[in-house]
Each structure stands twice: as C-alpha cells, then as structure tokens.
Protein backbone atom coordinates (compact mmCIF):
# COMPACT_ATOMS: atom_id res chain seq x y z
CA UNK A 1 -0.09 0.14 -0.36
CA UNK A 2 1.45 3.26 -1.22
CA UNK A 3 1.39 6.70 0.68
CA UNK A 4 -1.32 7.76 -1.40
CA UNK A 5 -3.91 4.66 -0.97
CA UNK A 6 -3.21 5.31 2.87
CA UNK A 7 -4.19 8.99 2.64
CA UNK A 8 -7.30 7.78 0.99
CA UNK A 9 -8.12 5.20 3.15
CA UNK A 10 -8.00 7.76 6.02
CA UNK A 11 -9.61 10.62 4.30
CA UNK A 12 -12.68 7.74 3.50
CA UNK A 13 -12.68 6.77 7.41
CA UNK A 14 -12.47 10.68 8.44
CA UNK A 15 -15.68 11.25 6.21
CA UNK A 16 -17.46 8.36 6.91
CA UNK A 17 -16.99 8.75 10.79
CA UNK A 18 -17.87 12.11 10.76
CA UNK A 19 -20.79 11.76 8.61
CA UNK A 20 -22.16 8.26 10.84
CA UNK A 21 -21.64 11.15 13.85
CA UNK A 22 -23.93 13.81 12.63
CA UNK A 23 -26.71 11.07 11.74
CA UNK A 24 -26.72 9.20 14.61
CA UNK A 25 -25.29 11.79 17.41
CA UNK A 26 -25.60 14.86 16.09
CA UNK A 27 -21.99 15.62 16.55
CA UNK A 28 -18.77 14.39 15.33
CA UNK A 29 -15.98 12.57 17.41
CA UNK A 30 -12.61 14.45 16.63
CA UNK A 31 -10.14 13.69 13.71
CA UNK A 32 -8.89 9.94 15.42
CA UNK A 33 -12.40 8.88 16.49
CA UNK A 34 -14.20 9.84 13.45
CA UNK A 35 -11.29 7.65 11.50
CA UNK A 36 -11.34 4.45 13.63
CA UNK A 37 -15.48 4.95 13.62
CA UNK A 38 -15.15 5.04 9.75
CA UNK A 39 -12.81 2.35 9.27
CA UNK A 40 -14.38 0.13 11.79
CA UNK A 41 -17.75 0.86 9.80
CA UNK A 42 -16.58 -0.06 6.21
CA UNK A 43 -15.10 -2.92 7.94
CA UNK A 44 -18.53 -4.00 9.44
CA UNK A 45 -20.42 -3.31 5.87
CA UNK A 46 -17.81 -4.82 3.93
CA UNK A 47 -18.55 -8.27 6.00
CA UNK A 48 -22.65 -7.41 6.56
CA UNK A 49 -23.64 -6.12 2.62
CA UNK A 50 -22.46 -8.86 0.44
CA UNK A 51 -24.35 -11.67 2.81
CA UNK A 52 -27.55 -9.75 2.24
CA UNK A 53 -26.67 -9.20 -1.72
CA UNK A 54 -26.08 -5.52 -1.02
CA UNK A 55 -23.20 -4.45 -3.05
CA UNK A 56 -21.77 -0.80 -4.04
CA UNK A 57 -19.63 -0.44 -7.37
CA UNK A 58 -17.55 2.57 -7.88
CA UNK A 59 -15.28 4.86 -6.84
CA UNK A 60 -14.44 6.73 -3.70
CA UNK A 61 -18.08 8.13 -3.24
CA UNK A 62 -19.41 4.65 -3.50
CA UNK A 63 -16.77 3.81 -0.43
CA UNK A 64 -17.64 6.70 1.82
CA UNK A 65 -21.12 5.65 1.46
CA UNK A 66 -20.46 2.35 2.29
CA UNK A 67 -18.51 3.24 5.22
CA UNK A 68 -20.92 5.40 6.44
CA UNK A 69 -23.92 3.27 6.61
CA UNK A 70 -21.42 0.71 8.24
CA UNK A 71 -20.49 3.30 10.69
CA UNK A 72 -24.25 4.14 11.76
CA UNK A 73 -24.58 0.71 12.29
CA UNK A 74 -21.73 0.39 14.57
CA UNK A 75 -23.03 3.59 16.57
CA UNK A 76 -26.58 2.34 16.54
CA UNK A 77 -25.07 -0.65 18.20
CA UNK A 78 -22.91 1.22 20.61
CA UNK A 79 -25.98 3.21 21.62
CA UNK A 80 -28.09 0.10 22.32
CA UNK A 81 -25.15 -1.46 24.48
CA UNK A 82 -24.82 1.73 26.54
CA UNK A 83 -28.43 1.80 27.22
CA UNK A 84 -28.51 -1.58 28.16
C-alpha cells in the first residue's frame, strides 16, 4: 500500500465517521475518533452487505457511502449497548 492509498483510506474513514456521527449523535468524534469509526464501519459493512446482496460498485463516493452506512450501524449498536 502506497502513501497515496493510505491517505485516501484515512480520508474516507474520517469523512464516513464524521457523517455517521452527524446522523446518529448530532456531532463528530474528533479527527481520530472519526477515522476509527469510519474504518470499523467500513469493515462491518464489508462483512454484512455482501451476505444480504447489497453491493456498491464505484469509486471514492461509493466507498464513503459504504463506510458511512457501516459506521451508522456501529454507532447504533454502541448506543443500544450503552442503554442496557
């Protein structure tokens, strides 16, 4: 993985984490928190979506949407666990 790929990976994670924070909580989680949430969300979406037949093809925009949906699922699950 080159430096350009790593920077794009981190940028997609940051954008997806920020968007998920805006959707679920109404605020972001700081740069590092957004990156972590976005990357974990992308991993979750990568595991779940092919199993249910939901696949996004495309470039960076599709990756951001994919990671954001996964991050929203992650934040929703975290919220449920905190309430219990």
